[in-house]
Structures are given as structure tokens and as C-alpha cells.
């Protein structure tokens, strides 16, 4: 009887699917692309709470790039804003944050480097905090803990 219950518990556990959050990563393409790659790599961890689909706009910021960002943020659960040394001057990051705010998409700021002075994009609220990038912090933040 005990082994039958164990097997049933295993099967139930197998059937439970934890929905992962879809994320959009906003970053300074001129200075912080390597950190975006590292963050995207964390989506592959077995206990990762998020899926990453690269929705970055790879063309120069011309034409209808803002509309492309709006479309790419559709069905996104949370925006992660990677903050580096030059983020305060990154027009694209400021615009992506403004679009997230416009769409009421939750976002949070993540320090891209532990050994550098990381700045906030200009479009964030003064109350927005830059969080330290650790695996436990990242999982909590993606889950809505702020």
C-alpha cells in the first residue's frame, strides 16, 4: 500500500506544471550585452522561474523601433532592467521602461555588476530600487517580491 501511495504521489508531482514567467530584458546594448547573455543563460537552470525569448531590437534606434518594442512586450509577465555604469544615458532602456510603465507591465532594476557603480535609467520612478543580482533575489523578484 505504501509503495502504491508513493507511486501516486510521484505521478501527481509529475503532472504539476509550474508556469514560468515570460521576461523581457532591457539593457544598454552598447555596454551591457554580455550581462544580458548571462541572465538569459540562467533561464536554462532547472529551477528557473522564467523563460527567456530574445526580444531585443537589434537594429539601430530609428524608424518604428518603439512600436516594435511595444509588440515584443505583448504577453510579457515582467521586464528585467539590467543597470550598468551607463544605463542613465541609454535612450533605448529609458524608452523600454516607459513602455513597460505605459502597459502596466511589472519591472524591476537589477545591478548588472557587483563591482561597478550601476545607474538607473532616466524613466524609472525615484522610488525604484536597484537590486543585487543573486539567484535567490532574481527568483524572488520575478515572483513579484519587491
Protein backbone atom coordinates (compact mmCIF):
# COMPACT_ATOMS: atom_id res chain seq x y z
CA UNK A 1 0.00 0.00 0.00
CA UNK A 2 2.80 2.45 0.89
CA UNK A 3 4.57 1.92 -2.43
CA UNK A 4 1.27 2.44 -4.27
CA UNK A 5 0.81 5.80 -2.48
CA UNK A 6 4.39 6.77 -3.27
CA UNK A 7 3.83 5.98 -6.93
CA UNK A 8 0.61 8.04 -6.94
CA UNK A 9 2.37 10.98 -5.28
CA UNK A 10 5.15 10.76 -7.85
CA UNK A 11 2.66 10.74 -10.73
CA UNK A 12 0.79 13.73 -9.30
CA UNK A 13 4.06 15.59 -8.83
CA UNK A 14 4.98 14.72 -12.43
CA UNK A 15 1.68 16.21 -13.66
CA UNK A 16 2.09 19.52 -11.84
CA UNK A 17 3.47 22.05 -14.25
CA UNK A 18 4.78 25.26 -12.79
CA UNK A 19 4.12 28.12 -15.17
CA UNK A 20 7.27 30.06 -15.88
CA UNK A 21 7.13 33.80 -16.36
CA UNK A 22 7.95 35.34 -19.71
CA UNK A 23 10.54 38.07 -19.34
CA UNK A 24 11.78 40.96 -21.42
CA UNK A 25 15.33 42.06 -20.66
CA UNK A 26 16.06 45.76 -21.07
CA UNK A 27 19.77 46.60 -21.21
CA UNK A 28 22.27 49.06 -22.65
CA UNK A 29 23.22 47.32 -25.89
CA UNK A 30 26.40 49.37 -26.22
CA UNK A 31 27.82 48.42 -22.82
CA UNK A 32 25.97 45.53 -21.17
CA UNK A 33 25.16 42.90 -23.79
CA UNK A 34 27.35 40.32 -22.05
CA UNK A 35 25.28 40.60 -18.88
CA UNK A 36 22.07 40.08 -20.88
CA UNK A 37 23.59 36.87 -22.25
CA UNK A 38 24.42 35.69 -18.72
CA UNK A 39 20.91 36.47 -17.48
CA UNK A 40 19.34 34.68 -20.45
CA UNK A 41 21.54 31.68 -19.64
CA UNK A 42 20.03 31.49 -16.16
CA UNK A 43 16.65 30.73 -17.76
CA UNK A 44 18.10 27.31 -18.61
CA UNK A 45 18.62 26.38 -14.94
CA UNK A 46 16.29 23.54 -13.87
CA UNK A 47 14.81 25.65 -11.06
CA UNK A 48 14.48 28.81 -13.15
CA UNK A 49 11.17 30.66 -12.64
CA UNK A 50 11.35 32.29 -16.06
CA UNK A 51 11.58 31.65 -19.78
CA UNK A 52 13.59 33.96 -21.94
CA UNK A 53 12.86 34.71 -25.57
CA UNK A 54 15.24 37.26 -27.06
CA UNK A 55 13.01 40.18 -28.00
CA UNK A 56 15.85 42.67 -28.25
CA UNK A 57 15.66 45.23 -31.02
CA UNK A 58 18.91 44.64 -32.87
CA UNK A 59 18.62 47.44 -35.41
CA UNK A 60 19.74 50.99 -34.63
CA UNK A 61 17.11 53.09 -32.85
CA UNK A 62 15.42 54.53 -35.92
CA UNK A 63 12.02 54.39 -37.55
CA UNK A 64 9.31 52.48 -35.72
CA UNK A 65 11.57 50.73 -33.20
CA UNK A 66 9.37 51.88 -30.29
CA UNK A 67 6.37 50.17 -31.88
CA UNK A 68 8.46 47.01 -32.32
CA UNK A 69 9.26 47.10 -28.60
CA UNK A 70 5.57 47.55 -27.74
CA UNK A 71 4.68 44.49 -29.83
CA UNK A 72 7.53 42.45 -28.32
CA UNK A 73 6.32 43.30 -24.81
CA UNK A 74 2.92 41.79 -25.53
CA UNK A 75 2.34 38.74 -23.30
CA UNK A 76 5.41 39.56 -21.20
CA UNK A 77 4.97 38.96 -17.47
CA UNK A 78 7.86 41.06 -16.21
CA UNK A 79 10.61 43.35 -17.52
CA UNK A 80 14.08 42.99 -16.03
CA UNK A 81 16.10 46.18 -16.40
CA UNK A 82 19.83 45.47 -16.24
CA UNK A 83 21.58 48.51 -14.81
CA UNK A 84 25.20 49.16 -15.69
CA UNK A 85 27.53 52.13 -15.48
CA UNK A 86 25.99 53.94 -18.47
CA UNK A 87 22.32 52.98 -18.13
CA UNK A 88 21.37 56.55 -17.20
CA UNK A 89 22.42 57.62 -20.73
CA UNK A 90 20.80 54.71 -22.61
CA UNK A 91 17.84 56.17 -24.53
CA UNK A 92 16.59 52.73 -25.54
CA UNK A 93 16.46 51.47 -21.95
CA UNK A 94 14.57 54.59 -20.81
CA UNK A 95 12.06 54.12 -23.62
CA UNK A 96 11.60 50.40 -22.85
CA UNK A 97 10.93 51.24 -19.19
CA UNK A 98 8.43 53.94 -20.23
CA UNK A 99 6.65 51.42 -22.48
CA UNK A 100 6.52 48.88 -19.63
CA UNK A 101 5.01 51.58 -17.38
CA UNK A 102 2.52 52.53 -20.11
CA UNK A 103 1.47 48.87 -20.48
CA UNK A 104 1.36 48.33 -16.68
CA UNK A 105 3.92 45.56 -17.07
CA UNK A 106 5.80 44.98 -13.81
CA UNK A 107 9.52 45.69 -13.94
CA UNK A 108 12.47 45.74 -11.60
CA UNK A 109 16.03 47.04 -11.74
CA UNK A 110 18.89 44.58 -11.40
CA UNK A 111 22.52 45.60 -10.87
CA UNK A 112 24.37 44.14 -13.85
CA UNK A 113 27.70 44.30 -12.00
CA UNK A 114 28.61 43.82 -8.35
CA UNK A 115 31.92 45.67 -8.69
CA UNK A 116 30.76 48.79 -10.58
CA UNK A 117 28.55 51.79 -9.93
CA UNK A 118 25.29 50.86 -11.64
CA UNK A 119 22.98 53.71 -12.64
CA UNK A 120 19.21 53.83 -13.16
CA UNK A 121 17.55 54.62 -16.48
CA UNK A 122 16.01 58.10 -16.59
CA UNK A 123 12.42 56.84 -16.97
CA UNK A 124 12.22 54.96 -13.66
CA UNK A 125 10.43 56.22 -10.57
CA UNK A 126 12.63 57.73 -7.88
CA UNK A 127 11.38 55.02 -5.53
CA UNK A 128 12.59 52.19 -7.83
CA UNK A 129 15.40 50.31 -6.14
CA UNK A 130 18.35 48.63 -7.87
CA UNK A 131 18.53 45.06 -6.57
CA UNK A 132 21.65 42.96 -6.19
CA UNK A 133 21.88 40.19 -8.80
CA UNK A 134 21.86 36.90 -6.92
CA UNK A 135 20.00 33.74 -7.87
CA UNK A 136 17.72 33.87 -4.78
CA UNK A 137 16.99 37.59 -5.38
CA UNK A 138 16.24 37.00 -9.04
CA UNK A 139 13.75 34.23 -8.28
CA UNK A 140 12.04 36.36 -5.62
CA UNK A 141 11.88 39.45 -7.84
CA UNK A 142 10.48 37.55 -10.82
CA UNK A 143 7.84 36.14 -8.48
CA UNK A 144 6.79 39.68 -7.56
CA UNK A 145 8.67 40.10 -4.29
CA UNK A 146 9.86 43.70 -4.09
